[in-house]
Amino acid sequence: FYQAVVVFFFMMTPTYFWYRWIYTIEWDVPYRLYYQSTICVAEMFGSICVMMLAVIRFPQPWAYNQQPPAVEVGPKLPRYNVHVLVPCYNEPSDIVLATCEAALALTHP
């Protein structure tokens, strides 16, 4: 089903943009022409991105359903997350760098 949808998308996209450029852009009004053509170019960029993603996923569309590799589990150690906030405002850079280096050197049991 995925491959059929991708092929349909590839077939319909040029038709859509042909219709979009020929019939929906007002070529005689400059500011509308600029706005509408910009939007159309953005749509084309988006559809090209979708096409590239579809081509990448085309051979194996459901590859993301694979099982993750087995991981050897070692002894469970407690893990602590420590966030260090270094407030500074109009401080000399050498003081800020020394403070950041000291913060990086901290160890938590």
N, C-alpha and C. Protein backbone atom coordinates (compact mmCIF):
# COMPACT_ATOMS: atom_id res chain seq x y z
N PHE A 1 0.82 -1.20 0.00
CA PHE A 1 0.00 0.00 0.00
C PHE A 1 0.87 1.27 0.00
N TYR A 2 1.97 1.22 0.76
CA TYR A 2 2.87 2.38 0.83
C TYR A 2 3.43 2.72 -0.54
N GLN A 3 3.90 1.70 -1.27
CA GLN A 3 4.48 1.95 -2.58
C GLN A 3 3.44 2.54 -3.54
N ALA A 4 2.19 2.09 -3.44
CA ALA A 4 1.14 2.62 -4.30
C ALA A 4 0.87 4.09 -4.00
N VAL A 5 0.88 4.45 -2.73
CA VAL A 5 0.67 5.85 -2.35
C VAL A 5 1.82 6.71 -2.85
N VAL A 6 3.05 6.21 -2.75
CA VAL A 6 4.22 6.98 -3.22
C VAL A 6 4.14 7.17 -4.73
N VAL A 7 3.81 6.13 -5.46
CA VAL A 7 3.70 6.25 -6.93
C VAL A 7 2.59 7.23 -7.29
N PHE A 8 1.47 7.17 -6.59
CA PHE A 8 0.36 8.10 -6.85
C PHE A 8 0.80 9.54 -6.56
N PHE A 9 1.52 9.74 -5.48
CA PHE A 9 2.01 11.08 -5.14
C PHE A 9 2.95 11.60 -6.22
N PHE A 10 3.85 10.74 -6.70
CA PHE A 10 4.78 11.15 -7.75
C PHE A 10 4.06 11.46 -9.06
N MET A 11 2.96 10.78 -9.32
CA MET A 11 2.20 11.05 -10.54
C MET A 11 1.37 12.32 -10.42
N MET A 12 0.81 12.59 -9.27
CA MET A 12 -0.11 13.72 -9.12
C MET A 12 0.59 15.05 -8.83
N THR A 13 1.79 15.01 -8.28
CA THR A 13 2.47 16.25 -7.91
C THR A 13 2.75 17.16 -9.11
N PRO A 14 3.29 16.66 -10.22
CA PRO A 14 3.49 17.57 -11.37
C PRO A 14 2.17 18.12 -11.91
N THR A 15 1.13 17.31 -11.88
CA THR A 15 -0.17 17.79 -12.34
C THR A 15 -0.68 18.89 -11.45
N TYR A 16 -0.54 18.73 -10.15
CA TYR A 16 -0.99 19.76 -9.21
C TYR A 16 -0.23 21.05 -9.42
N PHE A 17 1.08 20.98 -9.58
CA PHE A 17 1.85 22.20 -9.73
C PHE A 17 1.64 22.84 -11.10
N TRP A 18 1.37 22.04 -12.11
CA TRP A 18 1.01 22.61 -13.41
C TRP A 18 -0.28 23.42 -13.25
N TYR A 19 -1.29 22.85 -12.61
CA TYR A 19 -2.54 23.57 -12.39
C TYR A 19 -2.31 24.78 -11.51
N ARG A 20 -1.49 24.62 -10.48
CA ARG A 20 -1.24 25.70 -9.52
C ARG A 20 -0.59 26.89 -10.20
N TRP A 21 0.43 26.65 -11.05
CA TRP A 21 1.13 27.75 -11.70
C TRP A 21 0.30 28.38 -12.82
N ILE A 22 -0.48 27.60 -13.54
CA ILE A 22 -1.22 28.13 -14.69
C ILE A 22 -2.51 28.83 -14.27
N TYR A 23 -3.26 28.23 -13.35
CA TYR A 23 -4.62 28.72 -13.10
C TYR A 23 -4.84 29.45 -11.78
N THR A 24 -3.96 29.34 -10.82
CA THR A 24 -4.26 29.96 -9.52
C THR A 24 -3.43 31.19 -9.21
N ILE A 25 -2.44 31.50 -10.01
CA ILE A 25 -1.61 32.68 -9.76
C ILE A 25 -2.09 33.81 -10.65
N GLU A 26 -2.31 34.97 -10.04
CA GLU A 26 -2.75 36.14 -10.78
C GLU A 26 -1.52 36.86 -11.33
N TRP A 27 -1.26 36.67 -12.61
CA TRP A 27 -0.04 37.17 -13.23
C TRP A 27 -0.08 38.67 -13.50
N ASP A 28 -1.26 39.30 -13.50
CA ASP A 28 -1.36 40.70 -13.87
C ASP A 28 -1.24 41.66 -12.68
N VAL A 29 -1.33 41.16 -11.44
CA VAL A 29 -1.23 42.02 -10.26
C VAL A 29 0.11 41.73 -9.59
N PRO A 30 1.04 42.70 -9.59
CA PRO A 30 2.41 42.40 -9.14
C PRO A 30 2.52 41.92 -7.70
N TYR A 31 1.83 42.58 -6.76
CA TYR A 31 2.01 42.16 -5.37
C TYR A 31 1.37 40.80 -5.12
N ARG A 32 0.29 40.47 -5.79
CA ARG A 32 -0.30 39.13 -5.66
C ARG A 32 0.58 38.09 -6.35
N LEU A 33 1.16 38.46 -7.47
CA LEU A 33 2.07 37.56 -8.18
C LEU A 33 3.25 37.20 -7.28
N TYR A 34 3.82 38.19 -6.60
CA TYR A 34 4.95 37.93 -5.71
C TYR A 34 4.54 37.01 -4.57
N TYR A 35 3.43 37.33 -3.92
CA TYR A 35 2.98 36.53 -2.78
C TYR A 35 2.62 35.11 -3.21
N GLN A 36 1.81 35.00 -4.25
CA GLN A 36 1.34 33.67 -4.66
C GLN A 36 2.47 32.81 -5.21
N SER A 37 3.39 33.40 -5.94
CA SER A 37 4.49 32.60 -6.46
C SER A 37 5.43 32.18 -5.33
N THR A 38 5.59 33.02 -4.31
CA THR A 38 6.41 32.64 -3.15
C THR A 38 5.80 31.45 -2.43
N ILE A 39 4.49 31.50 -2.23
CA ILE A 39 3.80 30.38 -1.59
C ILE A 39 3.92 29.11 -2.43
N CYS A 40 3.80 29.26 -3.74
CA CYS A 40 3.90 28.10 -4.62
C CYS A 40 5.31 27.50 -4.60
N VAL A 41 6.31 28.33 -4.56
CA VAL A 41 7.69 27.83 -4.46
C VAL A 41 7.88 27.09 -3.14
N ALA A 42 7.31 27.62 -2.06
CA ALA A 42 7.41 26.94 -0.77
C ALA A 42 6.70 25.59 -0.81
N GLU A 43 5.54 25.53 -1.48
CA GLU A 43 4.85 24.25 -1.64
C GLU A 43 5.69 23.26 -2.44
N MET A 44 6.34 23.76 -3.48
CA MET A 44 7.19 22.88 -4.28
C MET A 44 8.36 22.36 -3.47
N PHE A 45 8.97 23.21 -2.66
CA PHE A 45 10.06 22.77 -1.80
C PHE A 45 9.58 21.69 -0.84
N GLY A 46 8.41 21.88 -0.23
CA GLY A 46 7.86 20.88 0.68
C GLY A 46 7.58 19.57 -0.02
N SER A 47 7.03 19.63 -1.22
CA SER A 47 6.74 18.38 -1.92
C SER A 47 8.02 17.67 -2.35
N ILE A 48 9.07 18.42 -2.69
CA ILE A 48 10.35 17.79 -3.03
C ILE A 48 10.93 17.10 -1.80
N CYS A 49 10.79 17.73 -0.63
CA CYS A 49 11.26 17.09 0.60
C CYS A 49 10.49 15.81 0.87
N VAL A 50 9.18 15.83 0.68
CA VAL A 50 8.37 14.63 0.88
C VAL A 50 8.76 13.55 -0.13
N MET A 51 9.04 13.95 -1.36
CA MET A 51 9.46 12.98 -2.37
C MET A 51 10.80 12.33 -1.99
N MET A 52 11.74 13.14 -1.50
CA MET A 52 13.02 12.56 -1.10
C MET A 52 12.84 11.59 0.06
N LEU A 53 12.01 11.94 1.02
CA LEU A 53 11.74 11.03 2.13
C LEU A 53 11.07 9.76 1.63
N ALA A 54 10.14 9.89 0.69
CA ALA A 54 9.46 8.72 0.15
C ALA A 54 10.43 7.80 -0.59
N VAL A 55 11.38 8.39 -1.31
CA VAL A 55 12.35 7.58 -2.04
C VAL A 55 13.28 6.86 -1.06
N ILE A 56 13.66 7.55 0.01
CA ILE A 56 14.52 6.91 1.00
C ILE A 56 13.81 5.74 1.66
N ARG A 57 12.53 5.90 1.97
CA ARG A 57 11.78 4.86 2.68
C ARG A 57 11.15 3.84 1.73
N PHE A 58 11.24 4.04 0.41
CA PHE A 58 10.52 3.19 -0.54
C PHE A 58 10.91 1.71 -0.47
N PRO A 59 12.22 1.36 -0.38
CA PRO A 59 12.54 -0.08 -0.38
C PRO A 59 12.00 -0.82 0.85
N GLN A 60 12.10 -0.22 2.03
CA GLN A 60 11.62 -0.86 3.25
C GLN A 60 10.79 0.16 4.04
N PRO A 61 9.53 0.33 3.67
CA PRO A 61 8.76 1.39 4.32
C PRO A 61 8.51 1.17 5.80
N TRP A 62 8.57 -0.08 6.26
CA TRP A 62 8.27 -0.32 7.67
C TRP A 62 9.53 -0.69 8.44
N ALA A 63 10.68 -0.19 8.02
CA ALA A 63 11.94 -0.53 8.67
C ALA A 63 12.01 -0.02 10.10
N TYR A 64 11.21 0.98 10.43
CA TYR A 64 11.26 1.50 11.79
C TYR A 64 10.60 0.57 12.79
N ASN A 65 9.94 -0.50 12.35
CA ASN A 65 9.33 -1.47 13.26
C ASN A 65 10.31 -2.55 13.69
N GLN A 66 11.56 -2.45 13.30
CA GLN A 66 12.53 -3.47 13.66
C GLN A 66 12.81 -3.44 15.15
N GLN A 67 13.21 -4.58 15.68
CA GLN A 67 13.54 -4.68 17.09
C GLN A 67 14.92 -4.07 17.34
N PRO A 68 15.09 -3.38 18.46
CA PRO A 68 16.42 -2.81 18.75
C PRO A 68 17.40 -3.93 19.08
N PRO A 69 18.69 -3.69 18.89
CA PRO A 69 19.67 -4.72 19.20
C PRO A 69 19.71 -5.01 20.70
N ALA A 70 20.11 -6.23 21.03
CA ALA A 70 20.19 -6.62 22.44
C ALA A 70 21.33 -5.87 23.12
N VAL A 71 21.08 -5.45 24.33
CA VAL A 71 22.07 -4.70 25.10
C VAL A 71 22.34 -5.47 26.38
N GLU A 72 23.63 -5.65 26.68
CA GLU A 72 23.99 -6.32 27.92
C GLU A 72 23.80 -5.35 29.08
N VAL A 73 23.05 -5.80 30.06
CA VAL A 73 22.74 -4.94 31.20
C VAL A 73 23.70 -5.24 32.33
N GLY A 74 24.39 -4.23 32.80
CA GLY A 74 25.31 -4.38 33.92
C GLY A 74 24.60 -4.05 35.22
N PRO A 75 25.37 -3.93 36.28
CA PRO A 75 24.74 -3.59 37.56
C PRO A 75 24.14 -2.19 37.50
N LYS A 76 22.99 -2.05 38.11
CA LYS A 76 22.27 -0.78 38.09
C LYS A 76 22.86 0.17 39.12
N LEU A 77 23.42 1.26 38.66
CA LEU A 77 23.99 2.27 39.54
C LEU A 77 23.01 3.44 39.63
N PRO A 78 22.94 4.05 40.80
CA PRO A 78 22.05 5.22 40.90
C PRO A 78 22.60 6.36 40.05
N ARG A 79 21.71 7.02 39.39
CA ARG A 79 22.12 8.11 38.51
C ARG A 79 21.45 9.39 38.97
N TYR A 80 22.26 10.40 39.13
CA TYR A 80 21.74 11.69 39.55
C TYR A 80 22.01 12.71 38.45
N ASN A 81 21.06 13.52 38.21
CA ASN A 81 21.24 14.61 37.26
C ASN A 81 21.39 15.91 38.05
N VAL A 82 22.46 16.60 37.80
CA VAL A 82 22.72 17.86 38.48
C VAL A 82 22.84 18.93 37.41
N HIS A 83 22.08 19.98 37.56
CA HIS A 83 22.14 21.11 36.64
C HIS A 83 22.82 22.26 37.36
N VAL A 84 23.83 22.80 36.73
CA VAL A 84 24.57 23.91 37.32
C VAL A 84 24.26 25.15 36.49
N LEU A 85 23.72 26.15 37.15
CA LEU A 85 23.40 27.41 36.50
C LEU A 85 24.47 28.44 36.86
N VAL A 86 25.07 29.03 35.84
CA VAL A 86 26.11 30.03 36.06
C VAL A 86 25.56 31.37 35.59
N PRO A 87 25.01 32.16 36.51
CA PRO A 87 24.50 33.47 36.09
C PRO A 87 25.65 34.45 35.90
N CYS A 88 25.59 35.20 34.83
CA CYS A 88 26.61 36.20 34.60
C CYS A 88 26.00 37.34 33.81
N TYR A 89 26.42 38.54 34.14
CA TYR A 89 25.96 39.73 33.44
C TYR A 89 27.08 40.76 33.53
N ASN A 90 27.62 41.14 32.41
CA ASN A 90 28.74 42.09 32.34
C ASN A 90 29.94 41.63 33.16
N GLU A 91 30.18 40.33 33.17
CA GLU A 91 31.33 39.78 33.89
C GLU A 91 32.51 39.69 32.92
N PRO A 92 33.72 39.81 33.40
CA PRO A 92 34.88 39.59 32.53
C PRO A 92 34.92 38.12 32.07
N SER A 93 35.38 37.92 30.86
CA SER A 93 35.33 36.57 30.28
C SER A 93 36.23 35.60 31.03
N ASP A 94 37.33 36.04 31.61
CA ASP A 94 38.21 35.11 32.31
C ASP A 94 37.53 34.57 33.57
N ILE A 95 36.73 35.38 34.24
CA ILE A 95 36.00 34.90 35.42
C ILE A 95 34.92 33.90 35.01
N VAL A 96 34.23 34.20 33.91
CA VAL A 96 33.17 33.29 33.44
C VAL A 96 33.78 31.96 33.02
N LEU A 97 34.90 31.99 32.30
CA LEU A 97 35.54 30.74 31.87
C LEU A 97 36.04 29.94 33.06
N ALA A 98 36.62 30.60 34.05
CA ALA A 98 37.09 29.90 35.24
C ALA A 98 35.92 29.27 36.00
N THR A 99 34.80 29.98 36.08
CA THR A 99 33.62 29.45 36.76
C THR A 99 33.07 28.25 36.01
N CYS A 100 33.00 28.32 34.68
CA CYS A 100 32.50 27.19 33.88
C CYS A 100 33.42 25.98 33.99
N GLU A 101 34.73 26.20 33.99
CA GLU A 101 35.66 25.09 34.16
C GLU A 101 35.52 24.44 35.53
N ALA A 102 35.30 25.26 36.54
CA ALA A 102 35.09 24.70 37.89
C ALA A 102 33.77 23.93 37.96
N ALA A 103 32.77 24.41 37.26
CA ALA A 103 31.48 23.71 37.25
C ALA A 103 31.62 22.37 36.52
N LEU A 104 32.41 22.35 35.45
CA LEU A 104 32.61 21.08 34.72
C LEU A 104 33.41 20.09 35.53
N ALA A 105 34.26 20.58 36.43
CA ALA A 105 35.10 19.69 37.23
C ALA A 105 34.38 19.13 38.45
N LEU A 106 33.14 19.57 38.68
CA LEU A 106 32.39 19.07 39.84
C LEU A 106 32.11 17.59 39.70
N THR A 107 32.15 16.87 40.80
CA THR A 107 31.74 15.46 40.82
C THR A 107 30.65 15.31 41.85
N HIS A 108 29.72 14.44 41.54
CA HIS A 108 28.60 14.20 42.45
C HIS A 108 28.58 12.71 42.78
N PRO A 109 28.50 12.39 44.05
CA PRO A 109 28.58 10.94 44.43
C PRO A 109 27.37 10.16 43.95
